[in-house]
Amino acid sequence: MRAAALYGTIGSLILTGLTGLPATPAHALDPGRAEARGVALAAQRAAAKGIDFGDCPAVEGLPDPVECGTVSVPLDYAHPGGKHIRLTVSRAHAAGGGTARQGSIVFNPGGPGGNGMFYPLLAGLPQWRNVADAYDLIGYAPRGVGRSAPLSCVDAAGFVKGPTQAPQHPTAAYKKRQLAKARAYARGCARKNGSALRHFTSLNNARDLDVLRAALGEKKLTYVGASYGTYFGALYAELFPTHVRRMVFDSIVNPDPRKVWYGNNLDQSAAFERRWADWRRWVARHNAVYHLGRNPQEVLASYEKASRRLKKQPAGGTVGPGQMQGAFLKAGYSDSHWARDARALAAYLRGDDKPLIALAAPDAGSARDAENENAVYTTVECNDASWPRSWETWDRDNDRLARRAPFETWSNAFMNLPCAFWQGPRQRPLDVRVGKHSGLPPTLLLAAERDAATPYKGAVELQRRLARSVLVTERGAGTHGIGGGPNACVNNYLESYLLAGELPSRRAYCSPRPQPRATA
């Protein structure tokens, strides 16, 4: 599953050479020599040309004074003189101006498939005001996303249709149908995108980031990556350690090559079960408000009762068990969804299906974006690494996991199953290990202990692999994307690092944010 398409806390708030450095040493660790030379050449050209910022197209939905432009990157870095694609970029100027300005800060919200064009809007939020005074806020749509050489694998009109099922222990017949669907999806990706498909990878996302750095006129990169943005941020740190000024990793993907991506998805499904239990415990504590059960088991029984009812008669004709499960999965990403989900479930069981329909009904208006996001997610993860080709492996591993973590396991597995039938070459994940003599400056890692989308052990693993990195942990919390959220302790560490380069010792801890209020 995406981890996550939106930077959790920020998503809810918003919606929710000419390179300046010697090219060869900076790219010496690139696994492809030709690609290393291609990045250096593309960065030189981007630095010379810059970005011609102007009014944003209406389709971006970004108001003045946000500006938009594009940067050209090679489709294939091994052939930098060949086909290029254009990535869309957004900018809000540093509000402080003058000597207070520290340069540009680039943001990626996760995914794969997340669109970061909204990032400059954070300048209007109190938590980001001081950072927005000091930096130009730079958002962008990575390759394949939005208007950046968009990928598509199936007809968008049919992608978000409901109702659908979400069996936690699917039958052999259901699995057979999902196998056929996965095969067809993989074929659709290959047919609609052709030979270009192989170039949509995490390594190329990291290379694109260096070209963007150069186009912005920055000798060194200041970067905030959330969720999946931490993974290719880690690849960037490995490939371009001397090009980093400051780098924040928020809600961290486990970079261990043995986990990318099949193992990470199994770990994620197990973590969502824990987070699902957190929500049910909270609802049970507020039984006087929601009347869904006095303990987590009774709350689960209420949810399952609703799921059975939706299977027989979908709400509004479009909300089945699959739509409800997908909506309630968001409670695992952020506890800001907890009260809303409890209200919708309670109302539905009382006979009022309107809140649940509003929460979970397929949105035909966003079908194109949803299909594009899923196409990028699938393409990048399938290209990045080898996946099991044997259905027996998938069936065994997910059946075993679903016995103790039923809520998300099979839905997650079916989402990723096209990778079993993926056409084209697979990459070997880069083994990120950046030593203290690499030239990489100190970096900041942020993580919540009970994060489901990117389990906490991924943060510990990345810290082990990045010399001089510092890990700040929000204890007992599980929201995905904690920087710029309601925890002042976390925000103080983030702001001190971005504004002054100041970091605590190797580990620091923050108390959890307050749990949400139960509102009827």
Protein backbone atom coordinates (compact mmCIF):
# COMPACT_ATOMS: atom_id res chain seq x y z
CA MET A 1 0.00 0.00 0.00
CA ARG A 2 1.10 3.55 -0.49
CA ALA A 3 3.16 4.83 2.36
CA ALA A 4 1.65 7.32 2.10
CA ALA A 5 0.34 9.28 -0.81
CA LEU A 6 -0.08 12.31 1.42
CA TYR A 7 2.18 13.53 4.20
CA GLY A 8 -0.16 12.49 6.99
CA THR A 9 -0.32 15.56 9.22
CA ILE A 10 0.20 18.06 6.43
CA GLY A 11 -2.29 16.32 4.17
CA SER A 12 -5.03 16.77 6.72
CA LEU A 13 -4.07 20.40 7.32
CA ILE A 14 -3.94 21.29 3.64
CA LEU A 15 -6.89 19.30 2.43
CA THR A 16 -5.32 17.73 4.06
CA GLY A 17 31.00 22.47 -13.62
CA LEU A 18 27.97 24.58 -13.28
CA THR A 19 26.50 22.35 -10.56
CA GLY A 20 28.78 24.09 -8.08
CA LEU A 21 30.40 20.81 -7.00
CA PRO A 22 32.79 18.37 -8.68
CA ALA A 23 30.53 16.00 -10.59
CA THR A 24 32.54 12.78 -10.63
CA PRO A 25 33.22 12.27 -6.89
CA ALA A 26 29.64 13.21 -6.02
CA HIS A 27 28.28 10.52 -8.31
CA ALA A 28 30.91 7.88 -7.77
CA LEU A 29 28.52 5.65 -5.85
CA ASP A 30 25.85 5.63 -8.55
CA PRO A 31 25.36 1.95 -9.47
CA GLY A 32 25.41 2.84 -13.18
CA ARG A 33 28.44 4.67 -14.55
CA ALA A 34 26.52 5.85 -17.59
CA GLU A 35 23.70 7.11 -15.36
CA ALA A 36 26.24 8.93 -13.18
CA ARG A 37 27.59 10.80 -16.17
CA GLY A 38 24.04 11.48 -17.34
CA VAL A 39 23.04 13.05 -14.02
CA ALA A 40 26.10 15.30 -14.04
CA LEU A 41 25.37 16.48 -17.57
CA ALA A 42 21.65 17.00 -16.90
CA ALA A 43 22.44 18.96 -13.73
CA GLN A 44 24.88 21.18 -15.60
CA ARG A 45 22.28 21.97 -18.23
CA ALA A 46 19.57 22.57 -15.62
CA ALA A 47 21.80 24.93 -13.65
CA ALA A 48 22.49 26.95 -16.79
CA LYS A 49 18.83 27.14 -17.79
CA GLY A 50 17.11 27.45 -14.43
CA ILE A 51 13.32 27.36 -14.08
CA ASP A 52 11.09 29.93 -15.71
CA PHE A 53 8.48 30.41 -12.99
CA GLY A 54 5.16 32.09 -13.74
CA ASP A 55 1.45 31.82 -13.06
CA CYS A 56 0.25 28.34 -12.17
CA PRO A 57 -2.17 26.58 -14.55
CA ALA A 58 -5.71 26.48 -13.22
CA VAL A 59 -5.57 22.68 -13.08
CA GLU A 60 -3.06 22.88 -10.21
CA GLY A 61 -5.49 24.79 -7.99
CA LEU A 62 -2.69 26.90 -6.52
CA PRO A 63 -3.50 30.53 -5.74
CA ASP A 64 -1.21 33.52 -6.04
CA PRO A 65 1.50 34.16 -4.98
CA VAL A 66 2.47 30.52 -5.65
CA GLU A 67 4.36 30.23 -8.95
CA CYS A 68 4.80 27.24 -11.24
CA GLY A 69 7.35 26.08 -13.80
CA THR A 70 8.95 22.94 -15.19
CA VAL A 71 12.34 21.29 -15.21
CA SER A 72 13.56 18.97 -17.97
CA VAL A 73 15.11 15.61 -16.98
CA PRO A 74 16.28 12.69 -19.11
CA LEU A 75 13.86 9.80 -19.30
CA ASP A 76 16.91 7.51 -19.26
CA TYR A 77 19.98 8.91 -17.50
CA ALA A 78 22.20 6.50 -19.40
CA HIS A 79 21.23 8.48 -22.52
CA PRO A 80 20.97 12.12 -21.39
CA GLY A 81 20.87 13.33 -24.99
CA GLY A 82 17.79 11.24 -25.71
CA LYS A 83 14.18 11.77 -24.77
CA HIS A 84 13.46 14.21 -21.94
CA ILE A 85 10.37 14.61 -19.78
CA ARG A 86 9.25 17.70 -17.90
CA LEU A 87 8.53 17.74 -14.17
CA THR A 88 6.14 20.36 -12.83
CA VAL A 89 7.47 22.52 -9.98
CA SER A 90 5.79 25.01 -7.62
CA ARG A 91 7.31 27.76 -5.49
CA ALA A 92 6.42 30.22 -2.75
CA HIS A 93 9.14 32.82 -2.17
CA ALA A 94 10.70 33.11 1.27
CA ALA A 95 8.52 35.57 3.14
CA GLY A 96 11.43 36.97 5.12
CA GLY A 97 13.46 37.92 2.05
CA GLY A 98 16.86 39.60 2.06
CA THR A 99 19.59 38.20 4.28
CA ALA A 100 17.06 36.04 6.16
CA ARG A 101 16.64 33.82 3.10
CA GLN A 102 18.53 30.51 3.34
CA GLY A 103 17.67 29.18 -0.11
CA SER A 104 15.13 26.65 -1.33
CA ILE A 105 13.67 23.70 0.55
CA VAL A 106 12.27 20.86 -1.55
CA PHE A 107 9.48 18.62 -0.30
CA ASN A 108 8.15 15.21 -1.29
CA PRO A 109 4.98 13.88 0.39
CA GLY A 110 5.43 10.15 -0.27
CA GLY A 111 3.76 7.55 -2.40
CA PRO A 112 5.11 6.40 -4.76
CA GLY A 113 2.63 8.50 -6.67
CA GLY A 114 2.19 11.41 -4.25
CA ASN A 115 2.00 14.88 -5.77
CA GLY A 116 3.91 17.55 -3.84
CA MET A 117 2.73 20.58 -5.83
CA PHE A 118 0.66 21.71 -2.82
CA TYR A 119 3.72 22.20 -0.59
CA PRO A 120 4.03 26.00 -0.98
CA LEU A 121 0.59 26.35 0.64
CA LEU A 122 2.20 25.40 3.94
CA ALA A 123 3.55 28.94 4.10
CA GLY A 124 0.14 29.93 5.43
CA LEU A 125 0.22 27.53 8.38
CA PRO A 126 1.52 28.70 11.79
CA GLN A 127 3.69 25.60 12.24
CA TRP A 128 5.64 26.42 9.07
CA ARG A 129 5.74 30.22 9.29
CA ASN A 130 9.34 30.53 10.47
CA VAL A 131 10.58 28.03 7.90
CA ALA A 132 8.59 29.83 5.20
CA ASP A 133 10.25 33.11 6.21
CA ALA A 134 13.69 31.60 5.63
CA TYR A 135 13.17 29.38 2.59
CA ASP A 136 11.50 29.32 -0.78
CA LEU A 137 9.07 26.41 -0.40
CA ILE A 138 9.41 24.11 -3.41
CA GLY A 139 6.91 21.44 -4.34
CA TYR A 140 6.98 19.23 -7.39
CA ALA A 141 5.32 16.28 -9.08
CA PRO A 142 7.82 13.42 -9.54
CA ARG A 143 8.11 11.62 -12.85
CA GLY A 144 4.85 9.93 -13.80
CA VAL A 145 2.74 11.98 -11.36
CA GLY A 146 0.14 14.60 -12.27
CA ARG A 147 1.35 16.53 -15.32
CA SER A 148 4.93 15.19 -15.08
CA ALA A 149 4.86 12.68 -17.97
CA PRO A 150 1.82 11.00 -16.37
CA LEU A 151 1.51 7.23 -16.22
CA SER A 152 -1.74 5.34 -16.68
CA CYS A 153 -2.44 1.60 -16.66
CA VAL A 154 -6.22 1.23 -16.96
CA ASP A 155 -9.26 3.30 -17.88
CA ALA A 156 -9.68 5.90 -15.15
CA ALA A 157 -13.48 5.88 -15.35
CA GLY A 158 -13.66 2.32 -14.07
CA PHE A 159 -10.86 2.53 -11.55
CA VAL A 160 -12.81 3.84 -8.55
CA LYS A 161 -16.14 2.13 -9.11
CA GLY A 162 -17.96 0.48 -6.24
CA PRO A 163 -19.20 -1.51 -4.52
CA THR A 164 -16.35 -3.96 -3.96
CA GLN A 165 -15.62 -6.65 -1.41
CA ALA A 166 -12.70 -6.86 1.03
CA PRO A 167 -12.65 -10.38 2.45
CA GLN A 168 -10.13 -10.82 5.24
CA HIS A 169 -9.85 -14.54 4.50
CA PRO A 170 -10.67 -14.79 0.77
CA THR A 171 -11.85 -17.96 -0.86
CA ALA A 172 -9.91 -19.75 -3.57
CA ALA A 173 -12.40 -18.44 -6.14
CA TYR A 174 -11.93 -14.84 -5.00
CA LYS A 175 -8.16 -15.22 -5.13
CA LYS A 176 -8.41 -16.59 -8.65
CA ARG A 177 -10.35 -13.51 -9.76
CA GLN A 178 -7.76 -11.22 -8.17
CA LEU A 179 -4.95 -13.10 -9.92
CA ALA A 180 -6.64 -12.49 -13.26
CA LYS A 181 -7.12 -8.83 -12.40
CA ALA A 182 -3.45 -8.45 -11.42
CA ARG A 183 -2.26 -10.04 -14.66
CA ALA A 184 -4.49 -7.74 -16.68
CA TYR A 185 -3.27 -4.69 -14.75
CA ALA A 186 0.39 -5.52 -15.39
CA ARG A 187 -0.37 -6.04 -19.08
CA GLY A 188 -2.20 -2.71 -19.19
CA CYS A 189 0.78 -0.88 -17.71
CA ALA A 190 3.11 -2.39 -20.31
CA ARG A 191 0.72 -1.77 -23.20
CA LYS A 192 -0.12 1.84 -22.36
CA ASN A 193 3.41 2.99 -21.51
CA GLY A 194 5.71 0.89 -23.65
CA SER A 195 9.46 0.81 -23.20
CA ALA A 196 9.45 4.06 -21.20
CA LEU A 197 7.93 2.21 -18.23
CA ARG A 198 11.24 0.78 -17.02
CA HIS A 199 12.62 4.26 -16.32
CA PHE A 200 10.11 5.10 -13.59
CA THR A 201 12.13 4.03 -10.55
CA SER A 202 13.20 5.26 -7.14
CA LEU A 203 16.79 5.63 -8.35
CA ASN A 204 15.63 7.93 -11.13
CA ASN A 205 13.53 9.87 -8.63
CA ALA A 206 16.72 10.48 -6.65
CA ARG A 207 18.57 11.53 -9.81
CA ASP A 208 15.71 13.86 -10.76
CA LEU A 209 16.03 15.46 -7.34
CA ASP A 210 19.64 16.38 -8.07
CA VAL A 211 18.69 17.94 -11.40
CA LEU A 212 15.96 19.92 -9.63
CA ARG A 213 18.51 21.10 -7.06
CA ALA A 214 20.72 22.40 -9.85
CA ALA A 215 17.82 24.04 -11.71
CA LEU A 216 16.91 25.94 -8.54
CA GLY A 217 20.44 27.34 -8.43
CA GLU A 218 21.32 25.53 -5.21
CA LYS A 219 24.82 24.17 -4.71
CA LYS A 220 23.48 21.91 -1.98
CA LEU A 221 20.02 20.46 -1.35
CA THR A 222 17.76 21.16 1.61
CA TYR A 223 15.05 18.50 1.54
CA VAL A 224 12.10 17.24 3.56
CA GLY A 225 10.89 13.79 2.52
CA ALA A 226 7.92 12.07 4.12
CA SER A 227 7.03 8.38 3.89
CA TYR A 228 8.20 7.09 0.48
CA GLY A 229 10.03 10.40 0.14
CA THR A 230 12.39 9.12 2.84
CA TYR A 231 13.31 6.12 0.70
CA PHE A 232 14.50 7.93 -2.37
CA GLY A 233 15.85 10.64 -0.05
CA ALA A 234 18.07 7.91 1.41
CA LEU A 235 19.08 6.90 -2.11
CA TYR A 236 19.97 10.54 -2.76
CA ALA A 237 22.12 10.62 0.38
CA GLU A 238 23.95 7.52 -0.87
CA LEU A 239 24.42 8.80 -4.43
CA PHE A 240 25.08 12.47 -3.70
CA PRO A 241 26.29 12.83 -0.10
CA THR A 242 28.28 16.00 -0.77
CA HIS A 243 25.29 17.64 -2.44
CA VAL A 244 23.26 17.63 0.81
CA ARG A 245 22.91 20.72 2.99
CA ARG A 246 20.14 19.57 5.33
CA MET A 247 17.85 16.59 5.01
CA VAL A 248 14.76 15.56 7.00
CA PHE A 249 13.32 12.04 6.87
CA ASP A 250 9.78 11.95 8.33
CA SER A 251 8.04 8.58 8.81
CA ILE A 252 10.68 6.32 7.41
CA VAL A 253 10.56 3.46 4.93
CA ASN A 254 12.85 0.59 5.90
CA PRO A 255 15.72 0.84 3.36
CA ASP A 256 17.05 -2.69 3.93
CA PRO A 257 17.29 -4.18 0.41
CA ARG A 258 15.87 -7.42 1.75
CA LYS A 259 12.67 -5.55 2.65
CA VAL A 260 12.22 -3.55 -0.59
CA TRP A 261 9.32 -3.89 -1.38
CA TYR A 262 7.67 -7.26 -0.73
CA GLY A 263 8.86 -7.57 2.86
CA ASN A 264 8.02 -3.97 3.68
CA ASN A 265 4.42 -4.52 2.60
CA LEU A 266 4.08 -7.57 4.85
CA ASP A 267 5.49 -5.57 7.77
CA GLN A 268 3.09 -2.76 6.96
CA SER A 269 0.05 -5.03 7.06
CA ALA A 270 1.09 -6.33 10.49
CA ALA A 271 1.56 -2.77 11.74
CA PHE A 272 -1.87 -1.69 10.50
CA GLU A 273 -3.43 -4.43 12.62
CA ARG A 274 -1.86 -2.84 15.72
CA ARG A 275 -3.08 0.60 14.68
CA TRP A 276 -6.56 -0.76 13.93
CA ALA A 277 -6.60 -2.08 17.49
CA ASP A 278 -5.58 1.37 18.78
CA TRP A 279 -8.65 2.87 17.12
CA ARG A 280 -10.97 0.21 18.52
CA ARG A 281 -9.61 0.73 22.06
CA TRP A 282 -10.20 4.46 21.73
CA VAL A 283 -13.77 3.94 20.48
CA ALA A 284 -14.46 1.53 23.34
CA ARG A 285 -13.26 4.12 25.89
CA HIS A 286 -15.85 6.47 24.42
CA ASN A 287 -18.73 4.02 24.28
CA ALA A 288 -20.94 6.57 26.02
CA VAL A 289 -20.60 8.74 22.89
CA TYR A 290 -20.63 6.18 20.07
CA HIS A 291 -22.37 3.09 21.54
CA LEU A 292 -20.23 0.78 19.39
CA GLY A 293 -18.96 -1.46 22.19
CA ARG A 294 -17.49 -1.43 25.68
CA ASN A 295 -14.27 -3.16 24.63
CA PRO A 296 -12.26 -3.55 21.40
CA GLN A 297 -13.87 -6.90 20.62
CA GLU A 298 -17.36 -5.42 20.76
CA VAL A 299 -16.26 -2.50 18.54
CA LEU A 300 -14.89 -5.01 16.04
CA ALA A 301 -18.22 -6.84 16.12
CA SER A 302 -19.97 -3.56 15.26
CA TYR A 303 -17.65 -3.00 12.32
CA GLU A 304 -18.15 -6.56 11.07
CA LYS A 305 -21.92 -6.20 11.42
CA ALA A 306 -21.78 -3.12 9.19
CA SER A 307 -19.57 -4.95 6.69
CA ARG A 308 -22.05 -7.84 6.42
CA ARG A 309 -24.92 -5.43 5.94
CA LEU A 310 -23.03 -3.56 3.18
CA LYS A 311 -22.28 -6.84 1.43
CA LYS A 312 -26.03 -7.51 1.17
CA GLN A 313 -27.05 -3.94 0.37
CA PRO A 314 -24.33 -1.38 -0.51
CA ALA A 315 -24.94 2.07 0.92
CA GLY A 316 -26.00 4.46 -1.79
CA GLY A 317 -25.47 1.65 -4.27
CA THR A 318 -21.68 2.23 -4.29
CA VAL A 319 -20.33 1.70 -0.76
CA GLY A 320 -19.59 -1.95 -0.09
CA PRO A 321 -17.24 -3.62 2.39
CA GLY A 322 -14.23 -2.65 0.25
CA GLN A 323 -15.10 1.03 0.32
CA MET A 324 -15.68 1.01 4.07
CA GLN A 325 -12.43 -0.82 4.73
CA GLY A 326 -10.53 1.63 2.53
CA ALA A 327 -12.04 4.61 4.35
CA PHE A 328 -11.40 3.20 7.82
CA LEU A 329 -7.81 2.34 6.85
CA LYS A 330 -7.15 6.09 7.06
CA ALA A 331 -7.60 5.82 10.81
CA GLY A 332 -4.30 3.95 10.76
CA TYR A 333 -2.58 6.89 9.10
CA SER A 334 -3.82 9.61 11.42
CA ASP A 335 -5.82 9.75 14.61
CA SER A 336 -7.42 12.92 13.23
CA HIS A 337 -9.76 10.47 11.44
CA TRP A 338 -10.77 8.55 14.55
CA ALA A 339 -13.83 10.50 15.67
CA ARG A 340 -15.11 10.95 12.11
CA ASP A 341 -14.95 7.20 11.45
CA ALA A 342 -16.64 6.34 14.73
CA ARG A 343 -19.47 8.80 14.02
CA ALA A 344 -20.04 7.37 10.54
CA LEU A 345 -20.10 3.77 11.76
CA ALA A 346 -22.45 4.59 14.64
CA ALA A 347 -24.83 6.49 12.36
CA TYR A 348 -24.88 3.69 9.80
CA LEU A 349 -25.78 1.07 12.40
CA ARG A 350 -28.58 3.37 13.60
CA GLY A 351 -29.98 3.46 10.06
CA ASP A 352 -28.43 6.69 8.76
CA ASP A 353 -26.06 5.84 5.91
CA LYS A 354 -25.36 9.42 4.78
CA PRO A 355 -22.17 9.96 6.86
CA LEU A 356 -20.72 6.66 5.66
CA ILE A 357 -21.55 7.47 2.04
CA ALA A 358 -19.91 10.88 2.40
CA LEU A 359 -16.86 9.19 3.92
CA ALA A 360 -16.42 6.20 1.62
CA ALA A 361 -18.29 6.58 -1.67
CA PRO A 362 -16.11 6.46 -4.81
CA ASP A 363 -15.37 9.94 -6.12
CA ALA A 364 -15.73 9.96 -9.89
CA GLY A 365 -14.29 13.47 -9.98
CA SER A 366 -10.95 12.26 -8.65
CA ALA A 367 -10.81 9.07 -10.73
CA ARG A 368 -8.07 10.29 -13.05
CA ASP A 369 -5.81 11.34 -10.17
CA ALA A 370 -6.48 8.11 -8.27
CA GLU A 371 -5.71 5.95 -11.29
CA ASN A 372 -2.53 7.92 -12.02
CA GLU A 373 -1.39 7.66 -8.42
CA ASN A 374 -1.90 3.90 -8.40
CA ALA A 375 -0.15 3.49 -11.76
CA VAL A 376 2.94 5.32 -10.46
CA TYR A 377 2.89 3.41 -7.18
CA THR A 378 2.72 0.05 -8.92
CA THR A 379 5.26 0.90 -11.61
CA VAL A 380 7.90 2.23 -9.22
CA GLU A 381 7.61 -0.57 -6.69
CA CYS A 382 7.51 -3.30 -9.34
CA ASN A 383 10.52 -1.83 -11.15
CA ASP A 384 12.56 -1.23 -8.01
CA ALA A 385 13.11 -4.81 -6.90
CA SER A 386 12.44 -8.48 -7.49
CA TRP A 387 9.07 -9.75 -6.32
CA PRO A 388 8.03 -13.38 -5.85
CA ARG A 389 6.87 -14.83 -9.16
CA SER A 390 5.24 -17.81 -7.51
CA TRP A 391 1.62 -17.42 -6.45
CA GLU A 392 2.25 -20.15 -3.89
CA THR A 393 4.67 -17.78 -2.09
CA TRP A 394 2.16 -14.94 -1.99
CA ASP A 395 -0.64 -17.26 -0.89
CA ARG A 396 1.40 -18.87 1.88
CA ASP A 397 2.85 -15.64 3.28
CA ASN A 398 -0.39 -13.67 3.28
CA ASP A 399 -2.58 -16.50 4.55
CA ARG A 400 -0.16 -16.95 7.44
CA LEU A 401 -0.09 -13.21 8.21
CA ALA A 402 -3.86 -12.81 7.88
CA ARG A 403 -4.40 -15.23 10.75
CA ARG A 404 -3.01 -12.62 13.16
CA ALA A 405 -3.43 -9.43 11.09
CA PRO A 406 -6.61 -9.79 9.04
CA PHE A 407 -7.69 -6.15 8.65
CA GLU A 408 -5.39 -5.11 5.80
CA THR A 409 -3.26 -8.11 4.81
CA TRP A 410 -5.09 -9.43 1.77
CA SER A 411 -6.22 -6.02 0.51
CA ASN A 412 -2.59 -4.93 0.58
CA ALA A 413 -1.44 -8.13 -1.11
CA PHE A 414 -3.94 -7.79 -3.96
CA MET A 415 -2.92 -4.17 -4.50
CA ASN A 416 0.69 -5.26 -5.02
CA LEU A 417 -0.01 -8.50 -6.88
CA PRO A 418 0.62 -7.01 -10.38
CA CYS A 419 4.32 -7.10 -9.44
CA ALA A 420 4.20 -10.90 -9.67
CA PHE A 421 3.43 -10.54 -13.37
CA TRP A 422 5.47 -7.43 -14.14
CA GLN A 423 7.08 -7.22 -17.56
CA GLY A 424 10.53 -5.76 -18.04
CA PRO A 425 13.75 -5.70 -16.02
CA ARG A 426 13.81 -5.48 -12.23
CA GLN A 427 16.43 -3.48 -10.38
CA ARG A 428 18.48 -4.61 -7.43
CA PRO A 429 17.75 -2.23 -4.52
CA LEU A 430 20.67 -0.01 -3.58
CA ASP A 431 22.25 -0.94 -0.25
CA VAL A 432 22.29 2.44 1.50
CA ARG A 433 25.30 2.77 3.79
CA VAL A 434 26.63 6.30 4.18
CA GLY A 435 29.72 6.53 6.37
CA LYS A 436 30.98 9.40 8.49
CA HIS A 437 33.68 10.28 5.94
CA SER A 438 31.26 10.40 2.99
CA GLY A 439 30.69 14.13 3.21
CA LEU A 440 27.04 13.75 4.23
CA PRO A 441 26.19 16.34 6.92
CA PRO A 442 24.09 15.46 9.97
CA THR A 443 20.50 14.56 9.08
CA LEU A 444 17.25 14.51 11.05
CA LEU A 445 14.95 11.50 11.29
CA LEU A 446 11.39 11.80 12.66
CA ALA A 447 9.21 8.81 13.56
CA ALA A 448 6.17 7.85 15.61
CA GLU A 449 6.49 4.62 17.59
CA ARG A 450 3.18 3.15 16.39
CA ASP A 451 3.24 4.37 12.78
CA ALA A 452 1.53 1.73 10.63
CA ALA A 453 2.37 2.87 7.11
CA THR A 454 6.10 2.99 7.87
CA PRO A 455 6.74 0.87 10.97
CA TYR A 456 9.17 2.31 13.51
CA LYS A 457 11.89 -0.27 12.96
CA GLY A 458 12.46 1.33 9.54
CA ALA A 459 13.58 4.53 11.27
CA VAL A 460 15.99 2.59 13.47
CA GLU A 461 17.35 0.81 10.40
CA LEU A 462 17.91 4.03 8.45
CA GLN A 463 19.69 5.62 11.40
CA ARG A 464 22.01 2.63 11.48
CA ARG A 465 22.83 3.22 7.82
CA LEU A 466 23.29 7.01 7.88
CA ALA A 467 26.29 8.19 9.87
CA ARG A 468 25.68 11.27 12.04
CA SER A 469 21.90 10.98 11.74
CA VAL A 470 19.69 11.86 14.72
CA LEU A 471 16.36 10.16 15.44
CA VAL A 472 13.53 12.04 17.16
CA THR A 473 10.73 9.72 18.29
CA GLU A 474 7.16 10.60 19.20
CA ARG A 475 6.47 8.03 21.89
CA GLY A 476 3.22 6.12 21.94
CA ALA A 477 1.86 7.89 18.86
CA GLY A 478 0.95 6.46 15.46
CA THR A 479 0.20 9.33 13.10
CA HIS A 480 2.03 9.05 9.79
CA GLY A 481 3.90 12.27 9.06
CA ILE A 482 4.64 14.07 12.33
CA GLY A 483 6.62 17.16 11.32
CA GLY A 484 4.55 20.35 11.27
CA GLY A 485 1.74 18.68 13.19
CA PRO A 486 0.33 19.39 16.66
CA ASN A 487 3.35 18.14 18.66
CA ALA A 488 5.35 21.22 19.67
CA CYS A 489 8.31 19.12 20.83
CA VAL A 490 8.69 17.50 17.40
CA ASN A 491 8.25 20.85 15.67
CA ASN A 492 10.92 22.49 17.81
CA TYR A 493 13.48 19.88 16.76
CA LEU A 494 12.43 20.24 13.12
CA GLU A 495 12.60 24.02 13.12
CA SER A 496 15.91 24.18 15.00
CA TYR A 497 17.48 21.89 12.43
CA LEU A 498 16.09 23.59 9.34
CA LEU A 499 16.78 27.14 10.56
CA ALA A 500 20.06 26.72 12.44
CA GLY A 501 21.35 23.22 11.68
CA GLU A 502 21.04 22.36 15.38
CA LEU A 503 20.41 18.77 16.44
CA PRO A 504 20.18 16.92 19.75
CA SER A 505 22.33 13.93 20.57
CA ARG A 506 21.84 10.67 18.67
CA ARG A 507 18.36 9.99 20.06
CA ALA A 508 15.66 12.29 21.43
CA TYR A 509 12.09 11.61 22.53
CA CYS A 510 8.85 13.57 22.61
CA SER A 511 5.71 12.80 24.56
CA PRO A 512 2.74 11.84 22.39
CA ARG A 513 0.24 14.36 21.11
CA PRO A 514 -3.11 14.41 22.95
CA GLN A 515 -5.56 11.81 21.74
CA PRO A 516 -8.53 13.17 19.78
CA ARG A 517 -11.68 14.31 21.51
CA ALA A 518 -14.73 12.11 21.11
CA THR A 519 -17.35 14.19 19.33
CA ALA A 520 -20.84 12.97 18.51
